[in-house]
């Protein structure tokens, strides 16, 4: 087991870790087990790099969600709170936020470091 692997627990087909960012608070990070993230020692440095860049990715995703068609819903509910990040592949992840007072969720898909789509449960 490598040092990065020890930060995660394997649950229901995903590697799961609780992360904390000073500015953003606590959230859950899910790594899709099908992508083989944890089994190659060479991937440990890629996972560390991802962890180092998560705050920047989350901030960009938050701005993207606020600027989307769901912006008025987000404003009316007093903003967003980070809930989780799901990594499906090295260049494909989704950042999920709770829309504060509404009980709803909004997700932003990030591909190759760019926010490309936004989803909202209705």
N, C-alpha and C. Protein backbone atom coordinates (compact mmCIF):
# COMPACT_ATOMS: atom_id res chain seq x y z
N UNK A 1 0.86 -1.18 0.00
CA UNK A 1 0.00 0.00 0.00
C UNK A 1 0.90 1.24 0.00
N UNK A 2 0.63 2.18 -0.92
CA UNK A 2 1.43 3.40 -0.94
C UNK A 2 0.83 4.43 0.01
N UNK A 3 1.57 5.53 0.24
CA UNK A 3 1.14 6.52 1.23
C UNK A 3 -0.17 7.19 0.86
N UNK A 4 -0.40 7.40 -0.44
CA UNK A 4 -1.66 8.01 -0.87
C UNK A 4 -2.80 7.04 -0.63
N UNK A 5 -2.59 5.79 -0.93
CA UNK A 5 -3.61 4.78 -0.75
C UNK A 5 -4.06 4.70 0.71
N UNK A 6 -3.15 4.92 1.63
CA UNK A 6 -3.48 4.84 3.05
C UNK A 6 -4.41 5.98 3.50
N UNK A 7 -4.53 7.04 2.71
CA UNK A 7 -5.42 8.15 3.03
C UNK A 7 -6.88 7.82 2.74
N UNK A 8 -7.11 6.77 1.95
CA UNK A 8 -8.44 6.44 1.46
C UNK A 8 -8.94 5.12 2.05
N UNK A 9 -10.26 4.99 2.10
CA UNK A 9 -10.90 3.72 2.43
C UNK A 9 -11.64 3.25 1.19
N UNK A 10 -11.66 1.95 0.98
CA UNK A 10 -12.39 1.40 -0.16
C UNK A 10 -13.81 1.09 0.28
N UNK A 11 -14.79 1.73 -0.38
CA UNK A 11 -16.20 1.56 -0.04
C UNK A 11 -17.04 1.51 -1.29
N UNK A 12 -17.83 0.46 -1.45
CA UNK A 12 -18.81 0.36 -2.53
C UNK A 12 -18.24 0.68 -3.91
N UNK A 13 -17.07 0.16 -4.22
CA UNK A 13 -16.50 0.34 -5.54
C UNK A 13 -15.76 1.64 -5.77
N UNK A 14 -15.55 2.40 -4.72
CA UNK A 14 -14.81 3.66 -4.83
C UNK A 14 -13.81 3.77 -3.69
N UNK A 15 -12.76 4.54 -3.92
CA UNK A 15 -11.84 4.93 -2.86
C UNK A 15 -12.35 6.25 -2.33
N UNK A 16 -12.51 6.36 -1.02
CA UNK A 16 -13.17 7.51 -0.40
C UNK A 16 -12.24 8.12 0.65
N UNK A 17 -12.15 9.46 0.63
CA UNK A 17 -11.38 10.18 1.64
C UNK A 17 -12.11 11.47 1.98
N UNK A 18 -12.05 11.85 3.24
CA UNK A 18 -12.56 13.16 3.66
C UNK A 18 -11.41 14.15 3.51
N UNK A 19 -11.66 15.24 2.80
CA UNK A 19 -10.65 16.28 2.58
C UNK A 19 -11.11 17.55 3.27
N UNK A 20 -10.17 18.42 3.54
CA UNK A 20 -10.49 19.70 4.15
C UNK A 20 -9.63 20.78 3.50
N UNK A 21 -10.31 21.84 3.07
CA UNK A 21 -9.63 23.02 2.54
C UNK A 21 -9.92 24.17 3.49
N UNK A 22 -8.91 24.96 3.77
CA UNK A 22 -9.07 26.06 4.71
C UNK A 22 -10.22 26.98 4.32
N UNK A 23 -10.29 27.34 3.05
CA UNK A 23 -11.31 28.30 2.62
C UNK A 23 -12.65 27.65 2.32
N UNK A 24 -12.67 26.34 2.04
CA UNK A 24 -13.88 25.71 1.54
C UNK A 24 -14.57 24.77 2.52
N UNK A 25 -13.85 24.31 3.50
CA UNK A 25 -14.43 23.37 4.46
C UNK A 25 -14.18 21.92 4.07
N UNK A 26 -14.95 21.03 4.71
CA UNK A 26 -14.79 19.59 4.51
C UNK A 26 -15.65 19.10 3.35
N UNK A 27 -15.13 18.09 2.66
CA UNK A 27 -15.88 17.45 1.60
C UNK A 27 -15.34 16.04 1.41
N UNK A 28 -16.09 15.24 0.66
CA UNK A 28 -15.70 13.87 0.40
C UNK A 28 -15.13 13.77 -1.01
N UNK A 29 -14.01 13.06 -1.14
CA UNK A 29 -13.39 12.81 -2.43
C UNK A 29 -13.58 11.34 -2.76
N UNK A 30 -14.16 11.07 -3.92
CA UNK A 30 -14.39 9.71 -4.40
C UNK A 30 -13.53 9.47 -5.64
N UNK A 31 -12.75 8.40 -5.63
CA UNK A 31 -11.99 7.98 -6.81
C UNK A 31 -12.63 6.71 -7.33
N UNK A 32 -13.10 6.74 -8.55
CA UNK A 32 -13.74 5.58 -9.17
C UNK A 32 -12.75 4.43 -9.24
N UNK A 33 -13.09 3.31 -8.64
CA UNK A 33 -12.19 2.16 -8.58
C UNK A 33 -11.89 1.59 -9.96
N UNK A 34 -12.81 1.73 -10.89
CA UNK A 34 -12.62 1.18 -12.23
C UNK A 34 -11.46 1.83 -12.97
N UNK A 35 -11.08 3.01 -12.56
CA UNK A 35 -10.00 3.72 -13.24
C UNK A 35 -8.62 3.25 -12.78
N UNK A 36 -8.55 2.39 -11.77
CA UNK A 36 -7.27 1.84 -11.31
C UNK A 36 -6.34 2.85 -10.67
N UNK A 37 -6.88 3.86 -10.04
CA UNK A 37 -6.08 4.94 -9.48
C UNK A 37 -5.08 4.48 -8.43
N UNK A 38 -5.47 3.53 -7.63
CA UNK A 38 -4.68 3.21 -6.45
C UNK A 38 -3.69 2.06 -6.64
N UNK A 39 -3.74 1.39 -7.76
CA UNK A 39 -2.98 0.15 -7.85
C UNK A 39 -1.63 0.28 -8.52
N UNK A 40 -1.35 1.39 -9.13
CA UNK A 40 -0.04 1.61 -9.73
C UNK A 40 0.73 2.61 -8.89
N UNK A 41 1.93 2.25 -8.50
CA UNK A 41 2.71 3.16 -7.65
C UNK A 41 2.99 4.48 -8.36
N UNK A 42 3.05 4.44 -9.69
CA UNK A 42 3.28 5.68 -10.44
C UNK A 42 2.10 6.64 -10.35
N UNK A 43 0.93 6.14 -10.00
CA UNK A 43 -0.24 7.00 -9.88
C UNK A 43 -0.26 7.78 -8.58
N UNK A 44 0.52 7.38 -7.59
CA UNK A 44 0.50 8.07 -6.30
C UNK A 44 0.85 9.55 -6.47
N UNK A 45 1.84 9.86 -7.30
CA UNK A 45 2.20 11.27 -7.49
C UNK A 45 1.10 12.02 -8.24
N UNK A 46 0.38 11.35 -9.13
CA UNK A 46 -0.73 12.00 -9.84
C UNK A 46 -1.87 12.30 -8.87
N UNK A 47 -2.14 11.37 -7.96
CA UNK A 47 -3.19 11.61 -6.96
C UNK A 47 -2.77 12.77 -6.04
N UNK A 48 -1.50 12.81 -5.63
CA UNK A 48 -1.00 13.92 -4.80
C UNK A 48 -1.15 15.25 -5.53
N UNK A 49 -0.81 15.27 -6.83
CA UNK A 49 -0.96 16.49 -7.63
C UNK A 49 -2.42 16.92 -7.68
N UNK A 50 -3.31 15.95 -7.84
CA UNK A 50 -4.73 16.25 -7.85
C UNK A 50 -5.15 16.86 -6.51
N UNK A 51 -4.73 16.25 -5.42
CA UNK A 51 -5.07 16.77 -4.10
C UNK A 51 -4.57 18.20 -3.92
N UNK A 52 -3.38 18.48 -4.44
CA UNK A 52 -2.81 19.83 -4.34
C UNK A 52 -3.60 20.85 -5.15
N UNK A 53 -4.26 20.42 -6.22
CA UNK A 53 -4.97 21.36 -7.09
C UNK A 53 -6.48 21.40 -6.83
N UNK A 54 -6.97 20.59 -5.90
CA UNK A 54 -8.42 20.52 -5.68
C UNK A 54 -9.05 21.85 -5.30
N UNK A 55 -8.42 22.61 -4.43
CA UNK A 55 -9.02 23.87 -4.02
C UNK A 55 -9.23 24.79 -5.23
N UNK A 56 -8.23 24.88 -6.09
CA UNK A 56 -8.34 25.71 -7.29
C UNK A 56 -9.46 25.20 -8.21
N UNK A 57 -9.57 23.89 -8.36
CA UNK A 57 -10.62 23.30 -9.19
C UNK A 57 -12.00 23.60 -8.61
N UNK A 58 -12.13 23.46 -7.30
CA UNK A 58 -13.41 23.70 -6.64
C UNK A 58 -13.83 25.17 -6.76
N UNK A 59 -12.90 26.08 -6.59
CA UNK A 59 -13.20 27.51 -6.72
C UNK A 59 -13.68 27.81 -8.14
N UNK A 60 -13.01 27.26 -9.15
CA UNK A 60 -13.42 27.48 -10.55
C UNK A 60 -14.80 26.88 -10.80
N UNK A 61 -15.07 25.69 -10.25
CA UNK A 61 -16.37 25.05 -10.42
C UNK A 61 -17.47 25.86 -9.76
N UNK A 62 -17.18 26.41 -8.58
CA UNK A 62 -18.17 27.26 -7.88
C UNK A 62 -18.53 28.48 -8.75
N UNK A 63 -17.52 29.14 -9.29
CA UNK A 63 -17.77 30.30 -10.15
C UNK A 63 -18.60 29.91 -11.38
N UNK A 64 -18.28 28.76 -11.95
CA UNK A 64 -19.00 28.28 -13.13
C UNK A 64 -20.47 28.03 -12.78
N UNK A 65 -20.74 27.39 -11.65
CA UNK A 65 -22.12 27.11 -11.23
C UNK A 65 -22.89 28.40 -10.98
N UNK A 66 -22.25 29.35 -10.30
CA UNK A 66 -22.91 30.62 -10.00
C UNK A 66 -23.21 31.40 -11.28
N UNK A 67 -22.36 31.29 -12.29
CA UNK A 67 -22.57 31.97 -13.56
C UNK A 67 -23.47 31.23 -14.53
N UNK A 68 -23.98 30.07 -14.12
CA UNK A 68 -24.81 29.26 -15.00
C UNK A 68 -26.28 29.66 -14.91
N UNK A 69 -27.12 28.92 -15.62
CA UNK A 69 -28.56 29.17 -15.56
C UNK A 69 -29.11 28.93 -14.16
N UNK A 70 -28.36 28.22 -13.32
CA UNK A 70 -28.80 27.94 -11.95
C UNK A 70 -28.37 29.04 -10.97
N UNK A 71 -27.71 30.08 -11.47
CA UNK A 71 -27.26 31.18 -10.63
C UNK A 71 -28.36 31.80 -9.78
N UNK A 72 -29.55 32.10 -10.36
CA UNK A 72 -30.62 32.69 -9.55
C UNK A 72 -31.09 31.76 -8.42
N UNK A 73 -31.11 30.46 -8.66
CA UNK A 73 -31.50 29.49 -7.61
C UNK A 73 -30.46 29.51 -6.50
N UNK A 74 -29.20 29.56 -6.90
CA UNK A 74 -28.09 29.58 -5.94
C UNK A 74 -28.15 30.86 -5.10
N UNK A 75 -28.36 31.99 -5.78
CA UNK A 75 -28.47 33.27 -5.05
C UNK A 75 -29.63 33.27 -4.07
N UNK A 76 -30.78 32.76 -4.51
CA UNK A 76 -31.97 32.75 -3.67
C UNK A 76 -31.77 31.86 -2.44
N UNK A 77 -30.91 30.87 -2.57
CA UNK A 77 -30.69 29.93 -1.46
C UNK A 77 -29.48 30.29 -0.62
N UNK A 78 -28.93 31.46 -0.79
CA UNK A 78 -27.79 31.93 -0.01
C UNK A 78 -26.49 31.19 -0.33
N UNK A 79 -26.30 30.77 -1.56
CA UNK A 79 -25.01 30.25 -2.00
C UNK A 79 -24.85 28.75 -2.01
N UNK A 80 -23.58 28.34 -2.17
CA UNK A 80 -23.21 26.93 -2.31
C UNK A 80 -22.29 26.48 -1.19
N UNK A 81 -22.35 25.19 -0.89
CA UNK A 81 -21.43 24.57 0.06
C UNK A 81 -20.86 23.32 -0.61
N UNK A 82 -19.56 23.18 -0.64
CA UNK A 82 -18.93 22.01 -1.27
C UNK A 82 -19.42 20.74 -0.57
N UNK A 83 -19.75 19.74 -1.37
CA UNK A 83 -20.22 18.47 -0.83
C UNK A 83 -19.24 17.34 -1.16
N UNK A 84 -18.83 17.26 -2.42
CA UNK A 84 -17.93 16.18 -2.80
C UNK A 84 -17.34 16.37 -4.18
N UNK A 85 -16.29 15.60 -4.43
CA UNK A 85 -15.63 15.58 -5.74
C UNK A 85 -15.54 14.11 -6.15
N UNK A 86 -15.97 13.82 -7.37
CA UNK A 86 -15.93 12.45 -7.88
C UNK A 86 -15.00 12.44 -9.09
N UNK A 87 -13.94 11.65 -8.99
CA UNK A 87 -12.97 11.54 -10.08
C UNK A 87 -13.27 10.27 -10.85
N UNK A 88 -13.64 10.44 -12.14
CA UNK A 88 -13.96 9.31 -13.00
C UNK A 88 -12.78 8.90 -13.86
N UNK A 89 -11.86 9.79 -14.07
CA UNK A 89 -10.65 9.56 -14.87
C UNK A 89 -9.72 10.73 -14.62
N UNK A 90 -8.48 10.61 -15.05
CA UNK A 90 -7.51 11.66 -14.76
C UNK A 90 -7.96 13.02 -15.25
N UNK A 91 -8.73 13.06 -16.33
CA UNK A 91 -9.15 14.34 -16.89
C UNK A 91 -10.65 14.52 -16.87
N UNK A 92 -11.33 13.82 -15.98
CA UNK A 92 -12.79 13.88 -15.92
C UNK A 92 -13.25 13.76 -14.48
N UNK A 93 -13.74 14.87 -13.94
CA UNK A 93 -14.26 14.83 -12.57
C UNK A 93 -15.50 15.70 -12.47
N UNK A 94 -16.22 15.48 -11.39
CA UNK A 94 -17.40 16.28 -11.10
C UNK A 94 -17.28 16.83 -9.68
N UNK A 95 -17.60 18.10 -9.56
CA UNK A 95 -17.60 18.77 -8.27
C UNK A 95 -19.06 19.00 -7.89
N UNK A 96 -19.45 18.50 -6.73
CA UNK A 96 -20.84 18.61 -6.28
C UNK A 96 -20.94 19.58 -5.10
N UNK A 97 -21.95 20.44 -5.20
CA UNK A 97 -22.23 21.43 -4.17
C UNK A 97 -23.66 21.24 -3.67
N UNK A 98 -23.88 21.53 -2.39
CA UNK A 98 -25.23 21.66 -1.85
C UNK A 98 -25.64 23.11 -2.05
N UNK A 99 -26.84 23.30 -2.57
CA UNK A 99 -27.38 24.65 -2.68
C UNK A 99 -27.96 24.96 -1.31
N UNK A 100 -27.31 25.84 -0.60
CA UNK A 100 -27.43 26.03 0.85
C UNK A 100 -28.78 25.73 1.48
N UNK A 101 -29.74 26.56 1.30
CA UNK A 101 -31.00 26.42 2.05
C UNK A 101 -32.05 25.59 1.33
N UNK A 102 -31.75 25.09 0.15
CA UNK A 102 -32.79 24.46 -0.65
C UNK A 102 -32.83 22.94 -0.55
N UNK A 103 -31.76 22.30 -0.08
CA UNK A 103 -31.70 20.85 -0.05
C UNK A 103 -31.40 20.26 -1.42
N UNK A 104 -31.10 21.08 -2.40
CA UNK A 104 -30.80 20.62 -3.75
C UNK A 104 -29.29 20.59 -3.96
N UNK A 105 -28.89 19.92 -5.05
CA UNK A 105 -27.47 19.78 -5.39
C UNK A 105 -27.24 20.32 -6.80
N UNK A 106 -26.03 20.86 -6.99
CA UNK A 106 -25.59 21.25 -8.32
C UNK A 106 -24.19 20.65 -8.51
N UNK A 107 -23.97 20.11 -9.71
CA UNK A 107 -22.68 19.51 -10.02
C UNK A 107 -22.07 20.16 -11.24
N UNK A 108 -20.75 20.29 -11.23
CA UNK A 108 -20.03 20.88 -12.35
C UNK A 108 -19.05 19.82 -12.86
N UNK A 109 -19.13 19.54 -14.15
CA UNK A 109 -18.19 18.61 -14.77
C UNK A 109 -16.95 19.37 -15.21
N UNK A 110 -15.79 18.83 -14.86
CA UNK A 110 -14.51 19.44 -15.20
C UNK A 110 -13.74 18.43 -16.05
N UNK A 111 -13.40 18.82 -17.27
CA UNK A 111 -12.62 17.96 -18.16
C UNK A 111 -11.37 18.71 -18.57
N UNK A 112 -10.25 18.04 -18.44
CA UNK A 112 -8.97 18.64 -18.82
C UNK A 112 -8.76 20.00 -18.16
N UNK A 113 -9.22 20.14 -16.91
CA UNK A 113 -9.03 21.37 -16.16
C UNK A 113 -10.01 22.48 -16.47
N UNK A 114 -10.97 22.23 -17.36
CA UNK A 114 -11.94 23.25 -17.75
C UNK A 114 -13.34 22.83 -17.32
N UNK A 115 -14.10 23.76 -16.78
CA UNK A 115 -15.49 23.49 -16.44
C UNK A 115 -16.28 23.44 -17.74
N UNK A 116 -16.99 22.34 -17.98
CA UNK A 116 -17.66 22.16 -19.28
C UNK A 116 -19.16 22.01 -19.20
N UNK A 117 -19.70 21.68 -18.03
CA UNK A 117 -21.15 21.48 -17.93
C UNK A 117 -21.58 21.63 -16.48
N UNK A 118 -22.86 21.91 -16.29
CA UNK A 118 -23.40 22.03 -14.94
C UNK A 118 -24.72 21.26 -14.88
N UNK A 119 -24.94 20.61 -13.76
CA UNK A 119 -26.13 19.79 -13.55
C UNK A 119 -26.80 20.25 -12.26
N UNK A 120 -28.12 20.10 -12.21
CA UNK A 120 -28.85 20.43 -10.98
C UNK A 120 -29.96 19.43 -10.80
N UNK A 121 -30.10 18.89 -9.58
CA UNK A 121 -31.25 18.03 -9.34
C UNK A 121 -32.48 18.92 -9.19
N UNK A 122 -33.56 18.46 -9.70
CA UNK A 122 -34.79 19.29 -9.70
C UNK A 122 -35.82 18.73 -8.80
